[in-house]
């Protein structure tokens, strides 16, 4: 993708070399541009707002487990 992003090769040529459909590579490049050159979701990365939700859900689960244990001690 770097070759197409920098303009060293055309998107269609890079897509053919990687056995990708042109539209898919084009969409990836657009997302890369929109994310200001940082990794984008779909490559194992999580959006910051989604990361916060995951952390809050994890903390909520921990608190529910602690509450359950405390209720069992009564």
PDB file of N, CA and C in Angstrom:
ATOM      1  N   UNK A   1       0.832  -1.180   0.000  1.00  0.00           N
ATOM      2  CA  UNK A   1       0.000   0.000   0.000  1.00  0.00           C
ATOM      3  C   UNK A   1       0.878   1.246   0.000  1.00  0.00           C
ATOM      4  N   UNK A   2       2.038   1.164   0.620  1.00  0.00           N
ATOM      5  CA  UNK A   2       2.932   2.309   0.663  1.00  0.00           C
ATOM      6  C   UNK A   2       3.296   2.810  -0.719  1.00  0.00           C
ATOM      7  N   UNK A   3       3.506   1.901  -1.666  1.00  0.00           N
ATOM      8  CA  UNK A   3       3.859   2.309  -3.027  1.00  0.00           C
ATOM      9  C   UNK A   3       2.749   3.143  -3.654  1.00  0.00           C
ATOM     10  N   UNK A   4       1.514   2.699  -3.464  1.00  0.00           N
ATOM     11  CA  UNK A   4       0.382   3.439  -4.030  1.00  0.00           C
ATOM     12  C   UNK A   4       0.171   4.742  -3.277  1.00  0.00           C
ATOM     13  N   UNK A   5       0.376   4.734  -1.971  1.00  0.00           N
ATOM     14  CA  UNK A   5       0.182   5.922  -1.138  1.00  0.00           C
ATOM     15  C   UNK A   5       1.177   7.010  -1.522  1.00  0.00           C
ATOM     16  N   UNK A   6       2.437   6.631  -1.714  1.00  0.00           N
ATOM     17  CA  UNK A   6       3.470   7.612  -2.043  1.00  0.00           C
ATOM     18  C   UNK A   6       3.437   8.006  -3.513  1.00  0.00           C
ATOM     19  N   UNK A   7       2.757   7.226  -4.333  1.00  0.00           N
ATOM     20  CA  UNK A   7       2.669   7.540  -5.745  1.00  0.00           C
ATOM     21  C   UNK A   7       3.741   6.869  -6.574  1.00  0.00           C
ATOM     22  N   UNK A   8       4.532   5.953  -5.961  1.00  0.00           N
ATOM     23  CA  UNK A   8       5.561   5.237  -6.714  1.00  0.00           C
ATOM     24  C   UNK A   8       4.943   4.343  -7.788  1.00  0.00           C
ATOM     25  N   UNK A   9       3.799   3.792  -7.484  1.00  0.00           N
ATOM     26  CA  UNK A   9       3.082   2.919  -8.420  1.00  0.00           C
ATOM     27  C   UNK A   9       1.612   3.306  -8.386  1.00  0.00           C
ATOM     28  N   UNK A  10       0.901   2.972  -9.441  1.00  0.00           N
ATOM     29  CA  UNK A  10      -0.536   3.273  -9.464  1.00  0.00           C
ATOM     30  C   UNK A  10      -1.265   2.290  -8.547  1.00  0.00           C
ATOM     31  N   UNK A  11      -2.426   2.715  -8.092  1.00  0.00           N
ATOM     32  CA  UNK A  11      -3.234   1.856  -7.231  1.00  0.00           C
ATOM     33  C   UNK A  11      -3.599   0.575  -7.969  1.00  0.00           C
ATOM     34  N   UNK A  12      -3.955   0.690  -9.234  1.00  0.00           N
ATOM     35  CA  UNK A  12      -4.347  -0.507  -9.984  1.00  0.00           C
ATOM     36  C   UNK A  12      -3.172  -1.477 -10.123  1.00  0.00           C
ATOM     37  N   UNK A  13      -1.967  -0.956 -10.322  1.00  0.00           N
ATOM     38  CA  UNK A  13      -0.799  -1.840 -10.449  1.00  0.00           C
ATOM     39  C   UNK A  13      -0.503  -2.552  -9.129  1.00  0.00           C
ATOM     40  N   UNK A  14      -0.538  -1.814  -8.021  1.00  0.00           N
ATOM     41  CA  UNK A  14      -0.294  -2.416  -6.707  1.00  0.00           C
ATOM     42  C   UNK A  14      -1.375  -3.436  -6.396  1.00  0.00           C
ATOM     43  N   UNK A  15      -2.621  -3.114  -6.715  1.00  0.00           N
ATOM     44  CA  UNK A  15      -3.722  -4.045  -6.480  1.00  0.00           C
ATOM     45  C   UNK A  15      -3.500  -5.346  -7.242  1.00  0.00           C
ATOM     46  N   UNK A  16      -3.090  -5.252  -8.488  1.00  0.00           N
ATOM     47  CA  UNK A  16      -2.817  -6.458  -9.279  1.00  0.00           C
ATOM     48  C   UNK A  16      -1.674  -7.257  -8.676  1.00  0.00           C
ATOM     49  N   UNK A  17      -0.608  -6.585  -8.275  1.00  0.00           N
ATOM     50  CA  UNK A  17       0.550  -7.268  -7.701  1.00  0.00           C
ATOM     51  C   UNK A  17       0.200  -7.991  -6.405  1.00  0.00           C
ATOM     52  N   UNK A  18      -0.743  -7.436  -5.655  1.00  0.00           N
ATOM     53  CA  UNK A  18      -1.147  -8.030  -4.375  1.00  0.00           C
ATOM     54  C   UNK A  18      -2.390  -8.905  -4.501  1.00  0.00           C
ATOM     55  N   UNK A  19      -2.870  -9.075  -5.717  1.00  0.00           N
ATOM     56  CA  UNK A  19      -4.086  -9.852  -5.991  1.00  0.00           C
ATOM     57  C   UNK A  19      -5.278  -9.321  -5.194  1.00  0.00           C
ATOM     58  N   UNK A  20      -5.395  -7.990  -5.206  1.00  0.00           N
ATOM     59  CA  UNK A  20      -6.519  -7.336  -4.539  1.00  0.00           C
ATOM     60  C   UNK A  20      -7.411  -6.678  -5.573  1.00  0.00           C
ATOM     61  N   UNK A  21      -8.651  -6.479  -5.203  1.00  0.00           N
ATOM     62  CA  UNK A  21      -9.570  -5.719  -6.034  1.00  0.00           C
ATOM     63  C   UNK A  21      -9.206  -4.240  -5.873  1.00  0.00           C
ATOM     64  N   UNK A  22      -9.202  -3.519  -6.975  1.00  0.00           N
ATOM     65  CA  UNK A  22      -8.833  -2.102  -6.971  1.00  0.00           C
ATOM     66  C   UNK A  22      -9.581  -1.321  -5.900  1.00  0.00           C
ATOM     67  N   UNK A  23     -10.904  -1.534  -5.815  1.00  0.00           N
ATOM     68  CA  UNK A  23     -11.739  -0.763  -4.885  1.00  0.00           C
ATOM     69  C   UNK A  23     -11.321  -0.961  -3.429  1.00  0.00           C
ATOM     70  N   UNK A  24     -10.923  -2.170  -3.085  1.00  0.00           N
ATOM     71  CA  UNK A  24     -10.516  -2.447  -1.704  1.00  0.00           C
ATOM     72  C   UNK A  24      -9.259  -1.666  -1.365  1.00  0.00           C
ATOM     73  N   UNK A  25      -8.249  -1.728  -2.229  1.00  0.00           N
ATOM     74  CA  UNK A  25      -7.013  -0.998  -1.977  1.00  0.00           C
ATOM     75  C   UNK A  25      -7.268   0.505  -1.948  1.00  0.00           C
ATOM     76  N   UNK A  26      -8.087   0.980  -2.844  1.00  0.00           N
ATOM     77  CA  UNK A  26      -8.418   2.409  -2.882  1.00  0.00           C
ATOM     78  C   UNK A  26      -9.080   2.842  -1.570  1.00  0.00           C
ATOM     79  N   UNK A  27     -10.007   2.018  -1.060  1.00  0.00           N
ATOM     80  CA  UNK A  27     -10.694   2.325   0.198  1.00  0.00           C
ATOM     81  C   UNK A  27      -9.703   2.339   1.357  1.00  0.00           C
ATOM     82  N   UNK A  28      -8.765   1.384   1.380  1.00  0.00           N
ATOM     83  CA  UNK A  28      -7.749   1.349   2.446  1.00  0.00           C
ATOM     84  C   UNK A  28      -6.902   2.612   2.423  1.00  0.00           C
ATOM     85  N   UNK A  29      -6.526   3.041   1.239  1.00  0.00           N
ATOM     86  CA  UNK A  29      -5.711   4.248   1.121  1.00  0.00           C
ATOM     87  C   UNK A  29      -6.499   5.462   1.602  1.00  0.00           C
ATOM     88  N   UNK A  30      -7.783   5.540   1.243  1.00  0.00           N
ATOM     89  CA  UNK A  30      -8.628   6.652   1.697  1.00  0.00           C
ATOM     90  C   UNK A  30      -8.720   6.656   3.219  1.00  0.00           C
ATOM     91  N   UNK A  31      -8.932   5.502   3.838  1.00  0.00           N
ATOM     92  CA  UNK A  31      -9.016   5.428   5.299  1.00  0.00           C
ATOM     93  C   UNK A  31      -7.695   5.832   5.937  1.00  0.00           C
ATOM     94  N   UNK A  32      -6.601   5.427   5.309  1.00  0.00           N
ATOM     95  CA  UNK A  32      -5.277   5.796   5.810  1.00  0.00           C
ATOM     96  C   UNK A  32      -5.099   7.304   5.770  1.00  0.00           C
ATOM     97  N   UNK A  33      -5.528   7.927   4.687  1.00  0.00           N
ATOM     98  CA  UNK A  33      -5.439   9.385   4.569  1.00  0.00           C
ATOM     99  C   UNK A  33      -6.313  10.061   5.626  1.00  0.00           C
ATOM    100  N   UNK A  34      -7.520   9.547   5.830  1.00  0.00           N
ATOM    101  CA  UNK A  34      -8.451  10.130   6.793  1.00  0.00           C
ATOM    102  C   UNK A  34      -7.931  10.017   8.220  1.00  0.00           C
ATOM    103  N   UNK A  35      -7.136   8.985   8.491  1.00  0.00           N
ATOM    104  CA  UNK A  35      -6.620   8.782   9.836  1.00  0.00           C
ATOM    105  C   UNK A  35      -5.282   9.494  10.039  1.00  0.00           C
ATOM    106  N   UNK A  36      -4.939  10.387   9.137  1.00  0.00           N
ATOM    107  CA  UNK A  36      -3.708  11.191   9.201  1.00  0.00           C
ATOM    108  C   UNK A  36      -2.453  10.335   9.249  1.00  0.00           C
ATOM    109  N   UNK A  37      -2.482   9.230   8.548  1.00  0.00           N
ATOM    110  CA  UNK A  37      -1.292   8.404   8.450  1.00  0.00           C
ATOM    111  C   UNK A  37      -1.075   7.440   9.596  1.00  0.00           C
ATOM    112  N   UNK A  38      -2.025   7.369  10.508  1.00  0.00           N
ATOM    113  CA  UNK A  38      -1.900   6.400  11.590  1.00  0.00           C
ATOM    114  C   UNK A  38      -2.647   5.137  11.176  1.00  0.00           C
ATOM    115  N   UNK A  39      -2.394   4.081  11.882  1.00  0.00           N
ATOM    116  CA  UNK A  39      -3.091   2.839  11.580  1.00  0.00           C
ATOM    117  C   UNK A  39      -4.580   3.036  11.772  1.00  0.00           C
ATOM    118  N   UNK A  40      -5.367   2.308  11.012  1.00  0.00           N
ATOM    119  CA  UNK A  40      -6.804   2.468  11.113  1.00  0.00           C
ATOM    120  C   UNK A  40      -7.451   1.153  11.525  1.00  0.00           C
ATOM    121  N   UNK A  41      -8.658   1.248  11.977  1.00  0.00           N
ATOM    122  CA  UNK A  41      -9.390   0.071  12.424  1.00  0.00           C
ATOM    123  C   UNK A  41      -9.453  -0.937  11.295  1.00  0.00           C
ATOM    124  N   UNK A  42      -9.276  -2.182  11.642  1.00  0.00           N
ATOM    125  CA  UNK A  42      -9.246  -3.228  10.647  1.00  0.00           C
ATOM    126  C   UNK A  42      -7.864  -3.846  10.559  1.00  0.00           C
ATOM    127  N   UNK A  43      -6.903  -3.184  11.150  1.00  0.00           N
ATOM    128  CA  UNK A  43      -5.558  -3.731  11.169  1.00  0.00           C
ATOM    129  C   UNK A  43      -5.173  -4.140  12.578  1.00  0.00           C
ATOM    130  N   UNK A  44      -6.187  -4.463  13.376  1.00  0.00           N
ATOM    131  CA  UNK A  44      -5.928  -4.870  14.750  1.00  0.00           C
ATOM    132  C   UNK A  44      -5.939  -3.712  15.721  1.00  0.00           C
ATOM    133  N   UNK A  45      -6.209  -2.543  15.250  1.00  0.00           N
ATOM    134  CA  UNK A  45      -6.258  -1.362  16.095  1.00  0.00           C
ATOM    135  C   UNK A  45      -7.694  -1.043  16.468  1.00  0.00           C
ATOM    136  N   UNK A  46      -7.844  -0.370  17.584  1.00  0.00           N
ATOM    137  CA  UNK A  46      -9.167  -0.005  18.077  1.00  0.00           C
ATOM    138  C   UNK A  46      -9.229   1.511  18.177  1.00  0.00           C
ATOM    139  N   UNK A  47     -10.364   2.074  17.796  1.00  0.00           N
ATOM    140  CA  UNK A  47     -10.547   3.515  17.928  1.00  0.00           C
ATOM    141  C   UNK A  47     -10.464   3.890  19.404  1.00  0.00           C
ATOM    142  N   UNK A  48      -9.907   5.052  19.722  1.00  0.00           N
ATOM    143  CA  UNK A  48      -9.770   5.451  21.134  1.00  0.00           C
ATOM    144  C   UNK A  48     -11.084   5.423  21.901  1.00  0.00           C
ATOM    145  N   UNK A  49     -12.174   5.872  21.271  1.00  0.00           N
ATOM    146  CA  UNK A  49     -13.457   5.868  21.976  1.00  0.00           C
ATOM    147  C   UNK A  49     -13.942   4.445  22.238  1.00  0.00           C
ATOM    148  N   UNK A  50     -13.646   3.515  21.334  1.00  0.00           N
ATOM    149  CA  UNK A  50     -14.027   2.124  21.553  1.00  0.00           C
ATOM    150  C   UNK A  50     -13.155   1.479  22.620  1.00  0.00           C
ATOM    151  N   UNK A  51     -11.890   1.884  22.695  1.00  0.00           N
ATOM    152  CA  UNK A  51     -10.989   1.366  23.713  1.00  0.00           C
ATOM    153  C   UNK A  51     -11.501   1.731  25.098  1.00  0.00           C
ATOM    154  N   UNK A  52     -11.979   2.947  25.253  1.00  0.00           N
ATOM    155  CA  UNK A  52     -12.517   3.383  26.537  1.00  0.00           C
ATOM    156  C   UNK A  52     -13.736   2.552  26.922  1.00  0.00           C
ATOM    157  N   UNK A  53     -14.607   2.262  25.979  1.00  0.00           N
ATOM    158  CA  UNK A  53     -15.787   1.441  26.254  1.00  0.00           C
ATOM    159  C   UNK A  53     -15.369   0.043  26.701  1.00  0.00           C
ATOM    160  N   UNK A  54     -14.377  -0.529  26.037  1.00  0.00           N
ATOM    161  CA  UNK A  54     -13.893  -1.861  26.402  1.00  0.00           C
ATOM    162  C   UNK A  54     -13.350  -1.855  27.829  1.00  0.00           C
ATOM    163  N   UNK A  55     -12.560  -0.827  28.164  1.00  0.00           N
ATOM    164  CA  UNK A  55     -11.992  -0.731  29.508  1.00  0.00           C
ATOM    165  C   UNK A  55     -13.080  -0.552  30.564  1.00  0.00           C
ATOM    166  N   UNK A  56     -14.093   0.256  30.255  1.00  0.00           N
ATOM    167  CA  UNK A  56     -15.191   0.466  31.206  1.00  0.00           C
ATOM    168  C   UNK A  56     -16.007  -0.809  31.407  1.00  0.00           C
ATOM    169  N   UNK A  57     -16.241  -1.550  30.343  1.00  0.00           N
ATOM    170  CA  UNK A  57     -16.967  -2.810  30.480  1.00  0.00           C
ATOM    171  C   UNK A  57     -16.181  -3.812  31.311  1.00  0.00           C
ATOM    172  N   UNK A  58     -14.868  -3.850  31.093  1.00  0.00           N
ATOM    173  CA  UNK A  58     -14.013  -4.748  31.869  1.00  0.00           C
ATOM    174  C   UNK A  58     -14.058  -4.377  33.349  1.00  0.00           C
ATOM    175  N   UNK A  59     -13.968  -3.082  33.639  1.00  0.00           N
ATOM    176  CA  UNK A  59     -14.025  -2.619  35.035  1.00  0.00           C
ATOM    177  C   UNK A  59     -15.387  -2.918  35.642  1.00  0.00           C
ATOM    178  N   UNK A  60     -16.448  -2.734  34.883  1.00  0.00           N
ATOM    179  CA  UNK A  60     -17.793  -3.031  35.357  1.00  0.00           C
ATOM    180  C   UNK A  60     -17.916  -4.512  35.725  1.00  0.00           C
ATOM    181  N   UNK A  61     -17.362  -5.385  34.898  1.00  0.00           N
ATOM    182  CA  UNK A  61     -17.398  -6.824  35.161  1.00  0.00           C
ATOM    183  C   UNK A  61     -16.656  -7.148  36.455  1.00  0.00           C
ATOM    184  N   UNK A  62     -15.498  -6.524  36.647  1.00  0.00           N
ATOM    185  CA  UNK A  62     -14.735  -6.744  37.878  1.00  0.00           C
ATOM    186  C   UNK A  62     -15.542  -6.321  39.101  1.00  0.00           C
ATOM    187  N   UNK A  63     -16.197  -5.170  39.027  1.00  0.00           N
ATOM    188  CA  UNK A  63     -16.997  -4.678  40.145  1.00  0.00           C
ATOM    189  C   UNK A  63     -18.200  -5.581  40.421  1.00  0.00           C
ATOM    190  N   UNK A  64     -18.824  -6.091  39.358  1.00  0.00           N
ATOM    191  CA  UNK A  64     -19.948  -7.005  39.543  1.00  0.00           C
ATOM    192  C   UNK A  64     -19.494  -8.299  40.224  1.00  0.00           C
ATOM    193  N   UNK A  65     -18.308  -8.784  39.866  1.00  0.00           N
ATOM    194  CA  UNK A  65     -17.781  -9.987  40.503  1.00  0.00           C
ATOM    195  C   UNK A  65     -17.469  -9.735  41.973  1.00  0.00           C
ATOM    196  N   UNK A  66     -16.880  -8.577  42.280  1.00  0.00           N
ATOM    197  CA  UNK A  66     -16.595  -8.220  43.668  1.00  0.00           C
ATOM    198  C   UNK A  66     -17.885  -8.112  44.468  1.00  0.00           C
ATOM    199  N   UNK A  67     -18.902  -7.499  43.907  1.00  0.00           N
ATOM    200  CA  UNK A  67     -20.190  -7.364  44.580  1.00  0.00           C
ATOM    201  C   UNK A  67     -20.806  -8.729  44.848  1.00  0.00           C
ATOM    202  N   UNK A  68     -20.712  -9.619  43.886  1.00  0.00           N
ATOM    203  CA  UNK A  68     -21.247 -10.957  44.038  1.00  0.00           C
ATOM    204  C   UNK A  68     -20.558 -11.690  45.195  1.00  0.00           C
ATOM    205  N   UNK A  69     -19.251 -11.536  45.287  1.00  0.00           N
ATOM    206  CA  UNK A  69     -18.494 -12.176  46.361  1.00  0.00           C
ATOM    207  C   UNK A  69     -18.905 -11.598  47.712  1.00  0.00           C
ATOM    208  N   UNK A  70     -19.049 -10.279  47.790  1.00  0.00           N
ATOM    209  CA  UNK A  70     -19.447  -9.637  49.033  1.00  0.00           C
ATOM    210  C   UNK A  70     -20.850 -10.029  49.457  1.00  0.00           C
ATOM    211  N   UNK A  71     -21.756 -10.173  48.513  1.00  0.00           N
ATOM    212  CA  UNK A  71     -23.121 -10.595  48.827  1.00  0.00           C
ATOM    213  C   UNK A  71     -23.114 -12.015  49.358  1.00  0.00           C
ATOM    214  N   UNK A  72     -22.202 -12.839  48.856  1.00  0.00           N
ATOM    215  CA  UNK A  72     -22.113 -14.221  49.309  1.00  0.00           C
ATOM    216  C   UNK A  72     -21.579 -14.359  50.708  1.00  0.00           C
ATOM    217  N   UNK A  73     -20.902 -13.342  51.235  1.00  0.00           N
ATOM    218  CA  UNK A  73     -20.344 -13.384  52.580  1.00  0.00           C
ATOM    219  C   UNK A  73     -21.397 -13.073  53.631  1.00  0.00           C
ATOM    220  N   UNK A  74     -22.521 -12.515  53.251  1.00  0.00           N
ATOM    221  CA  UNK A  74     -23.568 -12.147  54.205  1.00  0.00           C
ATOM    222  C   UNK A  74     -24.292 -13.354  54.716  1.00  0.00           C
TER     223      UNK A  74
END
